[in-house]
C-alpha atoms as a PDB file:
ATOM      1  CA  UNK A   1      10.115  -7.887  11.911  1.00  0.00           C
ATOM      2  CA  UNK A   2       6.641  -6.733  10.854  1.00  0.00           C
ATOM      3  CA  UNK A   3       6.285  -3.850   8.426  1.00  0.00           C
ATOM      4  CA  UNK A   4       4.028  -0.981   9.478  1.00  0.00           C
ATOM      5  CA  UNK A   5       2.409   1.405   6.993  1.00  0.00           C
ATOM      6  CA  UNK A   6       2.106   4.906   8.468  1.00  0.00           C
ATOM      7  CA  UNK A   7      -0.628   6.952   6.772  1.00  0.00           C
ATOM      8  CA  UNK A   8      -0.275  10.483   8.131  1.00  0.00           C
ATOM      9  CA  UNK A   9      -0.265  13.846   6.329  1.00  0.00           C
ATOM     10  CA  UNK A  10       1.382  15.825   9.134  1.00  0.00           C
ATOM     11  CA  UNK A  11       5.111  15.441   8.526  1.00  0.00           C
ATOM     12  CA  UNK A  12       6.170  16.041  12.125  1.00  0.00           C
ATOM     13  CA  UNK A  13       3.857  13.278  13.364  1.00  0.00           C
ATOM     14  CA  UNK A  14       4.903  11.046  10.473  1.00  0.00           C
ATOM     15  CA  UNK A  15       8.585  11.403  11.404  1.00  0.00           C
ATOM     16  CA  UNK A  16       7.827  10.849  15.098  1.00  0.00           C
ATOM     17  CA  UNK A  17       5.873   7.669  14.410  1.00  0.00           C
ATOM     18  CA  UNK A  18       8.635   6.411  12.142  1.00  0.00           C
ATOM     19  CA  UNK A  19      11.229   7.095  14.833  1.00  0.00           C
ATOM     20  CA  UNK A  20       9.240   5.312  17.561  1.00  0.00           C
ATOM     21  CA  UNK A  21       8.543   2.247  15.432  1.00  0.00           C
ATOM     22  CA  UNK A  22      12.015   1.824  13.964  1.00  0.00           C
ATOM     23  CA  UNK A  23      13.521   2.040  17.454  1.00  0.00           C
ATOM     24  CA  UNK A  24      11.332  -0.924  18.388  1.00  0.00           C
ATOM     25  CA  UNK A  25      12.618  -2.892  15.404  1.00  0.00           C
ATOM     26  CA  UNK A  26       9.669  -2.436  13.027  1.00  0.00           C
ATOM     27  CA  UNK A  27      10.102  -1.723   9.343  1.00  0.00           C
ATOM     28  CA  UNK A  28       8.102   1.334   8.246  1.00  0.00           C
ATOM     29  CA  UNK A  29       6.647   2.735   5.034  1.00  0.00           C
ATOM     30  CA  UNK A  30       4.942   6.140   4.933  1.00  0.00           C
ATOM     31  CA  UNK A  31       2.101   7.663   2.925  1.00  0.00           C
ATOM     32  CA  UNK A  32       0.687  11.197   3.064  1.00  0.00           C
ATOM     33  CA  UNK A  33      -2.921  10.193   2.385  1.00  0.00           C
ATOM     34  CA  UNK A  34      -5.216   7.262   1.662  1.00  0.00           C
ATOM     35  CA  UNK A  35      -4.756   7.148  -2.105  1.00  0.00           C
ATOM     36  CA  UNK A  36      -0.986   6.893  -1.767  1.00  0.00           C
ATOM     37  CA  UNK A  37      -1.441   4.183   0.860  1.00  0.00           C
ATOM     38  CA  UNK A  38      -3.658   2.117  -1.452  1.00  0.00           C
ATOM     39  CA  UNK A  39      -0.972   2.324  -4.123  1.00  0.00           C
ATOM     40  CA  UNK A  40       1.753   1.231  -1.699  1.00  0.00           C
ATOM     41  CA  UNK A  41      -0.246  -1.805  -0.591  1.00  0.00           C
ATOM     42  CA  UNK A  42      -0.068  -3.240  -4.097  1.00  0.00           C
ATOM     43  CA  UNK A  43       3.727  -3.166  -4.136  1.00  0.00           C
ATOM     44  CA  UNK A  44       4.752  -3.852  -0.520  1.00  0.00           C
ATOM     45  CA  UNK A  45       4.207  -6.578   2.068  1.00  0.00           C
ATOM     46  CA  UNK A  46       2.455  -4.752   4.927  1.00  0.00           C
ATOM     47  CA  UNK A  47       1.543  -6.286   8.296  1.00  0.00           C
ATOM     48  CA  UNK A  48      -0.397  -3.399   9.871  1.00  0.00           C
ATOM     49  CA  UNK A  49      -1.424   0.163   9.034  1.00  0.00           C
ATOM     50  CA  UNK A  50      -1.416   3.102  11.463  1.00  0.00           C
ATOM     51  CA  UNK A  51      -3.843   5.590   9.910  1.00  0.00           C
ATOM     52  CA  UNK A  52      -4.682   9.195  10.744  1.00  0.00           C
ATOM     53  CA  UNK A  53      -8.369   9.966  10.346  1.00  0.00           C
ATOM     54  CA  UNK A  54      -8.152  13.561   9.133  1.00  0.00           C
ATOM     55  CA  UNK A  55      -6.164  13.753   5.871  1.00  0.00           C
ATOM     56  CA  UNK A  56      -6.516  15.438   2.478  1.00  0.00           C
ATOM     57  CA  UNK A  57      -7.301  13.641  -0.821  1.00  0.00           C
ATOM     58  CA  UNK A  58      -8.580  10.491   0.938  1.00  0.00           C
ATOM     59  CA  UNK A  59      -9.115  10.532   4.703  1.00  0.00           C
ATOM     60  CA  UNK A  60      -8.591   7.612   7.044  1.00  0.00           C
ATOM     61  CA  UNK A  61     -12.199   6.452   7.091  1.00  0.00           C
ATOM     62  CA  UNK A  62     -12.452   6.465   3.279  1.00  0.00           C
ATOM     63  CA  UNK A  63      -9.112   4.642   3.075  1.00  0.00           C
ATOM     64  CA  UNK A  64     -10.380   1.824   5.291  1.00  0.00           C
ATOM     65  CA  UNK A  65     -13.657   1.607   3.346  1.00  0.00           C
ATOM     66  CA  UNK A  66     -11.629   1.082   0.176  1.00  0.00           C
ATOM     67  CA  UNK A  67      -9.187  -1.251   1.914  1.00  0.00           C
ATOM     68  CA  UNK A  68     -11.906  -3.523   3.272  1.00  0.00           C
ATOM     69  CA  UNK A  69     -13.148  -4.249  -0.248  1.00  0.00           C
ATOM     70  CA  UNK A  70     -10.136  -6.493  -0.779  1.00  0.00           C
ATOM     71  CA  UNK A  71      -8.090  -6.800   2.409  1.00  0.00           C
ATOM     72  CA  UNK A  72      -8.270  -7.745   6.088  1.00  0.00           C
ATOM     73  CA  UNK A  73      -5.062  -5.839   6.886  1.00  0.00           C
ATOM     74  CA  UNK A  74      -5.195  -4.760  10.557  1.00  0.00           C
ATOM     75  CA  UNK A  75      -5.646  -1.000  11.042  1.00  0.00           C
ATOM     76  CA  UNK A  76      -5.132   1.268  14.041  1.00  0.00           C
ATOM     77  CA  UNK A  77      -6.722   4.704  13.712  1.00  0.00           C
ATOM     78  CA  UNK A  78      -4.990   7.807  15.079  1.00  0.00           C
ATOM     79  CA  UNK A  79      -7.022  10.945  15.586  1.00  0.00           C
ATOM     80  CA  UNK A  80      -7.318  14.195  17.493  1.00  0.00           C
ATOM     81  CA  UNK A  81     -11.063  13.640  17.596  1.00  0.00           C
ATOM     82  CA  UNK A  82     -12.353  12.499  20.959  1.00  0.00           C
ATOM     83  CA  UNK A  83     -16.046  11.994  20.175  1.00  0.00           C
ATOM     84  CA  UNK A  84     -17.344   8.513  20.927  1.00  0.00           C
ATOM     85  CA  UNK A  85     -19.293   8.455  17.650  1.00  0.00           C
ATOM     86  CA  UNK A  86     -16.024   8.878  15.708  1.00  0.00           C
ATOM     87  CA  UNK A  87     -14.437   5.940  17.533  1.00  0.00           C
ATOM     88  CA  UNK A  88     -17.512   3.828  16.897  1.00  0.00           C
ATOM     89  CA  UNK A  89     -17.537   4.770  13.214  1.00  0.00           C
ATOM     90  CA  UNK A  90     -13.871   3.840  12.842  1.00  0.00           C
ATOM     91  CA  UNK A  91     -14.350   0.461  14.489  1.00  0.00           C
ATOM     92  CA  UNK A  92     -17.529  -0.251  12.535  1.00  0.00           C
ATOM     93  CA  UNK A  93     -15.698   0.471   9.273  1.00  0.00           C
ATOM     94  CA  UNK A  94     -13.202  -2.240  10.095  1.00  0.00           C
ATOM     95  CA  UNK A  95     -10.593  -0.596  12.290  1.00  0.00           C
ATOM     96  CA  UNK A  96      -8.943  -2.911  14.802  1.00  0.00           C
ATOM     97  CA  UNK A  97      -8.126  -0.212  17.356  1.00  0.00           C
ATOM     98  CA  UNK A  98      -8.495   3.538  17.851  1.00  0.00           C
ATOM     99  CA  UNK A  99      -5.898   5.721  19.540  1.00  0.00           C
ATOM    100  CA  UNK A 100      -6.612   9.354  20.433  1.00  0.00           C
ATOM    101  CA  UNK A 101      -3.927  12.038  20.228  1.00  0.00           C
ATOM    102  CA  UNK A 102      -1.902  12.818  22.201  1.00  0.00           C
ATOM    103  CA  UNK A 103      -0.652   9.352  23.088  1.00  0.00           C
ATOM    104  CA  UNK A 104       2.545   7.926  24.537  1.00  0.00           C
ATOM    105  CA  UNK A 105       5.092   5.864  22.673  1.00  0.00           C
ATOM    106  CA  UNK A 106       4.500   3.012  25.128  1.00  0.00           C
ATOM    107  CA  UNK A 107       0.769   2.892  24.470  1.00  0.00           C
ATOM    108  CA  UNK A 108       1.276   3.024  20.697  1.00  0.00           C
ATOM    109  CA  UNK A 109       3.740   0.124  20.718  1.00  0.00           C
ATOM    110  CA  UNK A 110       1.596  -1.925  23.119  1.00  0.00           C
ATOM    111  CA  UNK A 111      -1.503  -1.506  20.936  1.00  0.00           C
ATOM    112  CA  UNK A 112       0.384  -2.405  17.767  1.00  0.00           C
ATOM    113  CA  UNK A 113       1.836  -5.531  19.363  1.00  0.00           C
ATOM    114  CA  UNK A 114      -1.583  -6.541  20.732  1.00  0.00           C
ATOM    115  CA  UNK A 115      -3.269  -6.184  17.338  1.00  0.00           C
ATOM    116  CA  UNK A 116      -0.449  -8.105  15.631  1.00  0.00           C
ATOM    117  CA  UNK A 117      -0.703 -10.932  18.186  1.00  0.00           C
ATOM    118  CA  UNK A 118      -4.450 -11.215  17.612  1.00  0.00           C
ATOM    119  CA  UNK A 119      -3.960 -11.144  13.851  1.00  0.00           C
ATOM    120  CA  UNK A 120      -1.245 -13.799  13.795  1.00  0.00           C
ATOM    121  CA  UNK A 121      -3.273 -16.043  16.095  1.00  0.00           C
ATOM    122  CA  UNK A 122      -6.366 -15.608  13.924  1.00  0.00           C
ATOM    123  CA  UNK A 123      -4.375 -16.360  10.783  1.00  0.00           C
ATOM    124  CA  UNK A 124      -2.885 -19.442  12.388  1.00  0.00           C
ATOM    125  CA  UNK A 125      -6.340 -20.654  13.387  1.00  0.00           C
ATOM    126  CA  UNK A 126      -7.760 -20.276   9.873  1.00  0.00           C
ATOM    127  CA  UNK A 127      -4.654 -21.257   7.935  1.00  0.00           C
ATOM    128  CA  UNK A 128      -5.875 -24.819   7.751  1.00  0.00           C
ATOM    129  CA  UNK A 129      -6.114 -28.053   9.659  1.00  0.00           C
ATOM    130  CA  UNK A 130      -3.426 -28.509  12.298  1.00  0.00           C
ATOM    131  CA  UNK A 131      -2.374 -32.125  12.740  1.00  0.00           C
ATOM    132  CA  UNK A 132      -2.517 -32.621  16.509  1.00  0.00           C
ATOM    133  CA  UNK A 133      -1.570 -36.293  16.692  1.00  0.00           C
ATOM    134  CA  UNK A 134       1.145 -37.130  19.218  1.00  0.00           C
ATOM    135  CA  UNK A 135       3.253 -39.023  16.654  1.00  0.00           C
ATOM    136  CA  UNK A 136       3.721 -37.418  13.234  1.00  0.00           C
ATOM    137  CA  UNK A 137       5.422 -39.314  10.408  1.00  0.00           C
ATOM    138  CA  UNK A 138       6.612 -38.481   6.904  1.00  0.00           C
ATOM    139  CA  UNK A 139       8.884 -40.650   4.757  1.00  0.00           C
ATOM    140  CA  UNK A 140      11.362 -42.112   7.261  1.00  0.00           C
ATOM    141  CA  UNK A 141      10.938 -39.254   9.737  1.00  0.00           C
ATOM    142  CA  UNK A 142       9.022 -39.774  12.975  1.00  0.00           C
ATOM    143  CA  UNK A 143       8.306 -36.829  15.269  1.00  0.00           C
ATOM    144  CA  UNK A 144       7.016 -37.333  18.800  1.00  0.00           C
ATOM    145  CA  UNK A 145       5.266 -34.173  19.902  1.00  0.00           C
ATOM    146  CA  UNK A 146       4.986 -35.064  23.606  1.00  0.00           C
ATOM    147  CA  UNK A 147       8.544 -36.375  23.988  1.00  0.00           C
ATOM    148  CA  UNK A 148       9.908 -33.640  21.698  1.00  0.00           C
ATOM    149  CA  UNK A 149      12.003 -36.220  19.905  1.00  0.00           C
ATOM    150  CA  UNK A 150      12.696 -37.053  16.264  1.00  0.00           C
ATOM    151  CA  UNK A 151      13.859 -40.287  14.660  1.00  0.00           C
ATOM    152  CA  UNK A 152      15.139 -40.875  11.128  1.00  0.00           C
ATOM    153  CA  UNK A 153      14.752 -44.495  10.022  1.00  0.00           C
ATOM    154  CA  UNK A 154      14.136 -45.326  13.703  1.00  0.00           C
ATOM    155  CA  UNK A 155      17.465 -43.734  14.754  1.00  0.00           C
ATOM    156  CA  UNK A 156      17.121 -40.785  17.199  1.00  0.00           C
ATOM    157  CA  UNK A 157      18.628 -37.509  16.049  1.00  0.00           C
ATOM    158  CA  UNK A 158      19.488 -34.458  18.130  1.00  0.00           C
ATOM    159  CA  UNK A 159      17.694 -31.174  17.412  1.00  0.00           C
ATOM    160  CA  UNK A 160      17.917 -27.826  19.144  1.00  0.00           C
ATOM    161  CA  UNK A 161      14.771 -26.348  20.692  1.00  0.00           C
ATOM    162  CA  UNK A 162      14.095 -24.072  17.711  1.00  0.00           C
ATOM    163  CA  UNK A 163      14.936 -26.755  15.153  1.00  0.00           C
ATOM    164  CA  UNK A 164      12.331 -29.002  16.750  1.00  0.00           C
ATOM    165  CA  UNK A 165       9.775 -26.166  16.996  1.00  0.00           C
ATOM    166  CA  UNK A 166      10.283 -25.271  13.332  1.00  0.00           C
ATOM    167  CA  UNK A 167      10.002 -28.873  12.184  1.00  0.00           C
ATOM    168  CA  UNK A 168       6.895 -29.381  14.315  1.00  0.00           C
ATOM    169  CA  UNK A 169       5.248 -26.296  12.823  1.00  0.00           C
ATOM    170  CA  UNK A 170       5.934 -27.565   9.295  1.00  0.00           C
ATOM    171  CA  UNK A 171       4.633 -31.046  10.202  1.00  0.00           C
ATOM    172  CA  UNK A 172       1.456 -29.515  11.637  1.00  0.00           C
ATOM    173  CA  UNK A 173       0.830 -27.671   8.364  1.00  0.00           C
ATOM    174  CA  UNK A 174       2.139 -30.188   5.848  1.00  0.00           C
ATOM    175  CA  UNK A 175       1.836 -29.024   2.242  1.00  0.00           C
ATOM    176  CA  UNK A 176       1.209 -25.380   3.107  1.00  0.00           C
ATOM    177  CA  UNK A 177       3.623 -22.678   1.971  1.00  0.00           C
ATOM    178  CA  UNK A 178       4.933 -20.198   4.544  1.00  0.00           C
ATOM    179  CA  UNK A 179       7.012 -17.077   4.090  1.00  0.00           C
ATOM    180  CA  UNK A 180      10.200 -16.714   6.094  1.00  0.00           C
ATOM    181  CA  UNK A 181       8.588 -13.864   8.029  1.00  0.00           C
ATOM    182  CA  UNK A 182       5.587 -16.014   8.943  1.00  0.00           C
ATOM    183  CA  UNK A 183       7.853 -18.823  10.146  1.00  0.00           C
ATOM    184  CA  UNK A 184       9.989 -16.372  12.119  1.00  0.00           C
ATOM    185  CA  UNK A 185       6.925 -14.936  13.854  1.00  0.00           C
ATOM    186  CA  UNK A 186       5.234 -18.302  14.471  1.00  0.00           C
ATOM    187  CA  UNK A 187       8.310 -20.116  15.814  1.00  0.00           C
ATOM    188  CA  UNK A 188      10.485 -17.380  17.329  1.00  0.00           C
ATOM    189  CA  UNK A 189       7.702 -14.953  18.302  1.00  0.00           C
ATOM    190  CA  UNK A 190       6.875 -11.317  17.620  1.00  0.00           C
ATOM    191  CA  UNK A 191       9.547  -9.996  19.972  1.00  0.00           C
ATOM    192  CA  UNK A 192      12.443 -11.810  18.290  1.00  0.00           C
ATOM    193  CA  UNK A 193      14.896  -9.282  16.867  1.00  0.00           C
ATOM    194  CA  UNK A 194      16.764 -11.530  14.424  1.00  0.00           C
ATOM    195  CA  UNK A 195      16.474 -11.538  10.646  1.00  0.00           C
ATOM    196  CA  UNK A 196      14.768 -13.894   8.217  1.00  0.00           C
ATOM    197  CA  UNK A 197      18.189 -15.451   7.563  1.00  0.00           C
ATOM    198  CA  UNK A 198      17.639 -17.219  10.893  1.00  0.00           C
ATOM    199  CA  UNK A 199      14.951 -19.316   9.197  1.00  0.00           C
ATOM    200  CA  UNK A 200      17.233 -20.161   6.254  1.00  0.00           C
ATOM    201  CA  UNK A 201      20.007 -21.275   8.617  1.00  0.00           C
ATOM    202  CA  UNK A 202      17.691 -23.537  10.608  1.00  0.00           C
ATOM    203  CA  UNK A 203      16.173 -25.023   7.445  1.00  0.00           C
ATOM    204  CA  UNK A 204      19.660 -25.819   6.115  1.00  0.00           C
ATOM    205  CA  UNK A 205      20.607 -27.531   9.371  1.00  0.00           C
ATOM    206  CA  UNK A 206      17.346 -29.477   9.520  1.00  0.00           C
ATOM    207  CA  UNK A 207      17.837 -30.766   5.976  1.00  0.00           C
ATOM    208  CA  UNK A 208      21.291 -32.042   6.911  1.00  0.00           C
ATOM    209  CA  UNK A 209      20.068 -33.735  10.081  1.00  0.00           C
ATOM    210  CA  UNK A 210      17.077 -35.324   8.322  1.00  0.00           C
ATOM    211  CA  UNK A 211      19.154 -36.968   5.569  1.00  0.00           C
ATOM    212  CA  UNK A 212      18.294 -38.867   3.436  1.00  0.00           C
ATOM    213  CA  UNK A 213      14.878 -37.212   3.748  1.00  0.00           C
ATOM    214  CA  UNK A 214      15.984 -33.599   4.040  1.00  0.00           C
ATOM    215  CA  UNK A 215      14.323 -32.690   0.756  1.00  0.00           C
ATOM    216  CA  UNK A 216      10.873 -33.080   2.339  1.00  0.00           C
ATOM    217  CA  UNK A 217      11.443 -29.422   3.295  1.00  0.00           C
ATOM    218  CA  UNK A 218      11.119 -27.724  -0.062  1.00  0.00           C
ATOM    219  CA  UNK A 219      11.981 -24.167  -1.041  1.00  0.00           C
ATOM    220  CA  UNK A 220       9.215 -22.267  -2.824  1.00  0.00           C
ATOM    221  CA  UNK A 221      11.227 -19.675  -4.692  1.00  0.00           C
ATOM    222  CA  UNK A 222      10.276 -16.084  -3.992  1.00  0.00           C
ATOM    223  CA  UNK A 223       8.011 -17.121  -1.111  1.00  0.00           C
ATOM    224  CA  UNK A 224       9.443 -19.452   1.520  1.00  0.00           C
ATOM    225  CA  UNK A 225       9.189 -23.118   2.509  1.00  0.00           C
ATOM    226  CA  UNK A 226       6.811 -26.056   2.770  1.00  0.00           C
ATOM    227  CA  UNK A 227       6.907 -29.659   4.007  1.00  0.00           C
ATOM    228  CA  UNK A 228       5.878 -32.257   1.415  1.00  0.00           C
ATOM    229  CA  UNK A 229       5.775 -36.005   0.841  1.00  0.00           C
ATOM    230  CA  UNK A 230       8.413 -36.686  -1.826  1.00  0.00           C
ATOM    231  CA  UNK A 231       7.102 -40.116  -2.827  1.00  0.00           C
END
């Protein structure tokens, strides 16, 4: 599941946000102010930041100014301020959404999920060329997108729905490296509650079913997987 960075100096609110998000299956990391958050970003894989505007040391607006020098990480501002000019300033600085306190758990989760969906779709659109041909081939593997069928050396093989979807995604982005988390989100969806081991299990099964060409799915150690031509 995605990891959310909570940047909030008020401990009661910080604990409440952590509770809400972990109950929904998100991983969370907390920071008391912007400087601590910047430090955490260099050592953790973060998918989205929920940031209070009014904080000591480095406030939310200054944090996003600094963040936008190097990162497009999605940010949702939280604030007790209700002035329109504050909302406009936050969005102009690079915030993706702006949520005024008090807010409900339901609205918070819905906004986070909406921003994550937009971000993943944008990343998928810019990640590179997607091969949209009906028939995709590599080595002795032939994948028919429309028929949702796969042949190995012209012999049909049986794949589950998710095995086919995973193989199709890798075929569409041949040569590109994807983390397990990215594959989990792209193939199983944001709402899937399983672990990244699900990806490993499906990759192992695909390699067995694609023999003798199973090694076209290569492990990139410390990162994830990619589909390559082994010739």
